[in-house]
Amino acid sequence: MTTTSTAPAKRTSSWRVVDIVVAAVLGVATGLIFVLWNGVGYVWFSAMDALTPGFGGLAAGIWLLGGVLGGLVIRKPGAALFVELLAATVSMLLGSQWAIETVYAGIAQGLGAELIFLLFAYRRFGLPVAMLAGAGAAVAAWVLELFTSGNLAMSGEFLVIYFASLVVSGALLAGLVGWLLTRALASTGVLDRFASGRSRGK
């Protein structure tokens, strides 16, 4: 008498060809979103900053989206960094007003999101983790801009307001939106070869 094993497939951190391809597609697509946001989002950023210096950070979350999407969809070490960095590179190549600093931001923001997924051992991908990843990317962006944007010279009040604004925006515009986009993609069946397509935001 024989039995058929029904054990679940072993989780692996190794990247498959399909992981690389989909991560690249996500990176390019997110980069195109960045290009659009470089105009629309920067107008919002400037308007909020004119209202109260530091509130401009409320508009920044979309620029943090790549790391969250990469982590949620691919669910492998390095995915958040890969997608955010590729998106930033596409944005730079298509004329971002921040030139090479766009790539620096992509590295920092990708690492910020990556750290959150690492803290959960790449095993938790629900809404709270997605929002934490967006917030993590925001914290990394805030630290980077102390040096690249001269924010070290700004007042303590500005830095606190900007930090809070960035974190809220990262949690909502990158974390929540990234989680919703991942669920929307999963519902179409295009992510069926990924755990993200079979476990709908868990």
Protein backbone atom coordinates (compact mmCIF):
# COMPACT_ATOMS: atom_id res chain seq x y z
CA MET A 1 0.00 0.00 0.00
CA THR A 2 1.37 3.43 -0.95
CA THR A 3 0.53 6.91 0.23
CA THR A 4 0.83 10.25 -1.49
CA SER A 5 2.53 13.04 0.41
CA THR A 6 0.50 16.21 0.78
CA ALA A 7 3.16 18.22 2.61
CA PRO A 8 3.32 21.86 1.53
CA ALA A 9 6.14 23.01 -0.69
CA LYS A 10 9.20 24.02 1.27
CA ARG A 11 9.69 27.78 1.52
CA THR A 12 12.91 28.86 -0.19
CA SER A 13 14.74 32.16 -0.29
CA SER A 14 16.27 31.38 -3.69
CA TRP A 15 15.10 33.52 -6.58
CA ARG A 16 13.47 31.81 -9.57
CA VAL A 17 13.56 33.20 -13.10
CA VAL A 18 9.92 34.19 -12.74
CA ASP A 19 10.77 36.13 -9.56
CA ILE A 20 13.39 38.15 -11.42
CA VAL A 21 11.10 38.83 -14.36
CA VAL A 22 8.14 39.92 -12.26
CA ALA A 23 10.34 42.02 -9.96
CA ALA A 24 11.76 43.76 -13.02
CA VAL A 25 8.27 44.42 -14.38
CA LEU A 26 7.18 45.80 -11.01
CA GLY A 27 10.26 48.00 -10.87
CA VAL A 28 9.72 49.50 -14.31
CA ALA A 29 5.99 49.98 -13.74
CA THR A 30 6.60 51.63 -10.38
CA GLY A 31 9.29 53.79 -11.96
CA LEU A 32 6.70 55.10 -14.42
CA ILE A 33 4.42 55.90 -11.47
CA PHE A 34 7.34 57.78 -9.92
CA VAL A 35 7.78 59.81 -13.10
CA LEU A 36 4.13 60.88 -12.94
CA TRP A 37 4.42 61.60 -9.22
CA ASN A 38 7.54 63.71 -9.80
CA GLY A 39 5.16 66.27 -11.26
CA VAL A 40 1.82 65.78 -9.52
CA GLY A 41 3.24 64.73 -6.17
CA TYR A 42 5.82 67.49 -6.07
CA VAL A 43 3.10 70.11 -6.58
CA TRP A 44 1.29 68.63 -3.57
CA PHE A 45 4.57 68.44 -1.63
CA SER A 46 5.33 72.11 -2.31
CA ALA A 47 1.80 73.24 -1.45
CA MET A 48 1.80 71.40 1.87
CA ASP A 49 5.27 72.68 2.71
CA ALA A 50 4.11 76.23 1.99
CA LEU A 51 1.20 75.69 4.39
CA THR A 52 3.43 74.35 7.18
CA PRO A 53 7.10 73.49 6.63
CA GLY A 54 7.49 69.74 6.97
CA PHE A 55 3.95 68.83 5.92
CA GLY A 56 5.27 68.18 2.42
CA GLY A 57 6.22 64.74 3.68
CA LEU A 58 2.55 63.80 3.47
CA ALA A 59 2.94 63.64 -0.31
CA ALA A 60 6.05 61.46 -0.33
CA GLY A 61 4.55 58.02 0.24
CA ILE A 62 4.09 57.14 -3.43
CA TRP A 63 7.87 57.41 -3.90
CA LEU A 64 8.21 54.63 -1.30
CA LEU A 65 5.81 52.24 -3.03
CA GLY A 66 8.35 50.08 -4.88
CA GLY A 67 9.91 48.50 -1.82
CA VAL A 68 6.56 47.58 -0.33
CA LEU A 69 5.26 46.10 -3.59
CA GLY A 70 8.44 44.14 -4.20
CA GLY A 71 8.40 42.65 -0.72
CA LEU A 72 4.71 41.80 -0.75
CA VAL A 73 4.65 40.22 -4.20
CA ILE A 74 8.01 38.41 -4.44
CA ARG A 75 8.41 37.57 -0.73
CA LYS A 76 12.13 36.87 -1.07
CA PRO A 77 15.17 38.55 0.52
CA GLY A 78 16.28 41.51 -1.57
CA ALA A 79 12.99 41.98 -3.41
CA ALA A 80 12.05 45.24 -1.69
CA LEU A 81 15.46 46.77 -2.42
CA PHE A 82 15.52 45.47 -6.00
CA VAL A 83 12.13 46.88 -6.98
CA GLU A 84 12.58 50.26 -5.24
CA LEU A 85 16.07 50.74 -6.68
CA LEU A 86 14.99 49.77 -10.20
CA ALA A 87 12.00 52.11 -9.97
CA ALA A 88 14.24 54.96 -8.82
CA THR A 89 16.68 54.25 -11.66
CA VAL A 90 13.86 54.35 -14.23
CA SER A 91 12.67 57.62 -12.73
CA MET A 92 16.18 59.10 -12.97
CA LEU A 93 16.68 57.93 -16.56
CA LEU A 94 13.36 59.49 -17.56
CA GLY A 95 14.34 62.88 -16.24
CA SER A 96 13.75 63.06 -12.49
CA GLN A 97 14.54 66.55 -11.23
CA TRP A 98 16.66 65.01 -8.46
CA ALA A 99 19.03 63.27 -10.91
CA ILE A 100 21.45 60.81 -9.26
CA GLU A 101 20.01 61.55 -5.80
CA THR A 102 16.95 59.63 -6.99
CA VAL A 103 19.05 56.46 -7.04
CA TYR A 104 20.47 57.18 -3.58
CA ALA A 105 16.89 57.54 -2.36
CA GLY A 106 15.93 54.26 -4.01
CA ILE A 107 18.70 52.44 -2.17
CA ALA A 108 17.84 53.94 1.21
CA GLN A 109 14.08 53.50 0.86
CA GLY A 110 14.44 49.97 -0.44
CA LEU A 111 16.65 49.06 2.50
CA GLY A 112 14.17 50.65 4.92
CA ALA A 113 11.35 48.47 3.64
CA GLU A 114 13.62 45.42 3.35
CA LEU A 115 14.56 45.67 7.02
CA ILE A 116 10.92 45.34 8.08
CA PHE A 117 10.35 42.21 5.99
CA LEU A 118 13.60 40.83 7.41
CA LEU A 119 12.43 41.50 10.98
CA PHE A 120 9.44 39.27 10.25
CA ALA A 121 11.74 36.66 8.64
CA TYR A 122 9.94 37.07 5.29
CA ARG A 123 6.99 35.14 6.71
CA ARG A 124 4.41 37.86 7.45
CA PHE A 125 2.94 39.98 4.68
CA GLY A 126 -0.38 41.25 6.00
CA LEU A 127 -1.54 44.85 6.19
CA PRO A 128 0.29 45.70 9.45
CA VAL A 129 3.62 44.50 8.03
CA ALA A 130 2.98 46.34 4.74
CA MET A 131 2.31 49.57 6.62
CA LEU A 132 5.40 49.06 8.78
CA ALA A 133 7.45 48.51 5.60
CA GLY A 134 6.14 51.79 4.19
CA ALA A 135 7.00 53.51 7.46
CA GLY A 136 10.44 51.89 7.45
CA ALA A 137 11.10 53.24 3.97
CA ALA A 138 9.99 56.67 5.20
CA VAL A 139 12.39 56.61 8.14
CA ALA A 140 15.24 55.70 5.79
CA ALA A 141 14.27 58.54 3.46
CA TRP A 142 14.21 60.98 6.38
CA VAL A 143 17.71 59.95 7.48
CA LEU A 144 19.11 60.19 3.95
CA GLU A 145 17.66 63.65 3.44
CA LEU A 146 19.44 64.93 6.52
CA PHE A 147 22.51 64.84 4.29
CA THR A 148 21.36 64.99 0.65
CA SER A 149 18.78 67.75 1.18
CA GLY A 150 20.62 69.68 3.88
CA ASN A 151 17.95 68.94 6.47
CA LEU A 152 20.57 68.79 9.18
CA ALA A 153 20.52 72.57 9.05
CA MET A 154 16.74 72.76 9.53
CA SER A 155 15.01 73.48 12.83
CA GLY A 156 14.05 70.74 15.26
CA GLU A 157 10.40 71.62 14.76
CA PHE A 158 10.68 71.10 11.00
CA LEU A 159 12.47 67.78 11.43
CA VAL A 160 9.82 66.43 13.81
CA ILE A 161 6.93 67.54 11.58
CA TYR A 162 8.63 66.20 8.47
CA PHE A 163 9.44 62.88 10.17
CA ALA A 164 5.85 62.38 11.32
CA SER A 165 4.46 63.40 7.92
CA LEU A 166 6.79 61.03 6.08
CA VAL A 167 5.98 58.09 8.34
CA VAL A 168 2.21 58.61 8.03
CA SER A 169 2.50 58.97 4.26
CA GLY A 170 4.76 55.92 3.99
CA ALA A 171 2.36 53.79 6.03
CA LEU A 172 -0.66 54.87 3.98
CA LEU A 173 0.47 55.73 0.44
CA ALA A 174 3.13 53.02 0.28
CA GLY A 175 2.00 50.45 2.86
CA LEU A 176 -1.78 50.46 2.53
CA VAL A 177 -1.79 51.23 -1.19
CA GLY A 178 0.89 48.60 -1.84
CA TRP A 179 -1.11 46.00 0.07
CA LEU A 180 -4.29 46.87 -1.85
CA LEU A 181 -2.45 46.73 -5.18
CA THR A 182 -1.01 43.32 -4.31
CA ARG A 183 -4.46 41.99 -3.45
CA ALA A 184 -5.86 43.45 -6.67
CA LEU A 185 -3.15 41.77 -8.72
CA ALA A 186 -3.67 38.48 -6.88
CA SER A 187 -7.40 38.59 -7.62
CA THR A 188 -6.70 38.61 -11.37
CA GLY A 189 -4.69 35.38 -11.18
CA VAL A 190 -1.45 36.91 -12.47
CA LEU A 191 0.31 36.06 -9.21
CA ASP A 192 -0.78 32.43 -9.06
CA ARG A 193 2.85 31.26 -9.27
CA PHE A 194 3.63 33.26 -6.12
CA ALA A 195 2.70 32.76 -2.50
CA SER A 196 1.26 36.29 -2.65
CA GLY A 197 -1.25 35.09 -5.23
CA ARG A 198 -2.32 32.11 -3.16
CA SER A 199 -2.56 33.67 0.28
CA ARG A 200 -4.22 37.04 -0.45
CA GLY A 201 -2.41 39.44 1.88
CA LYS A 202 -1.69 37.05 4.77
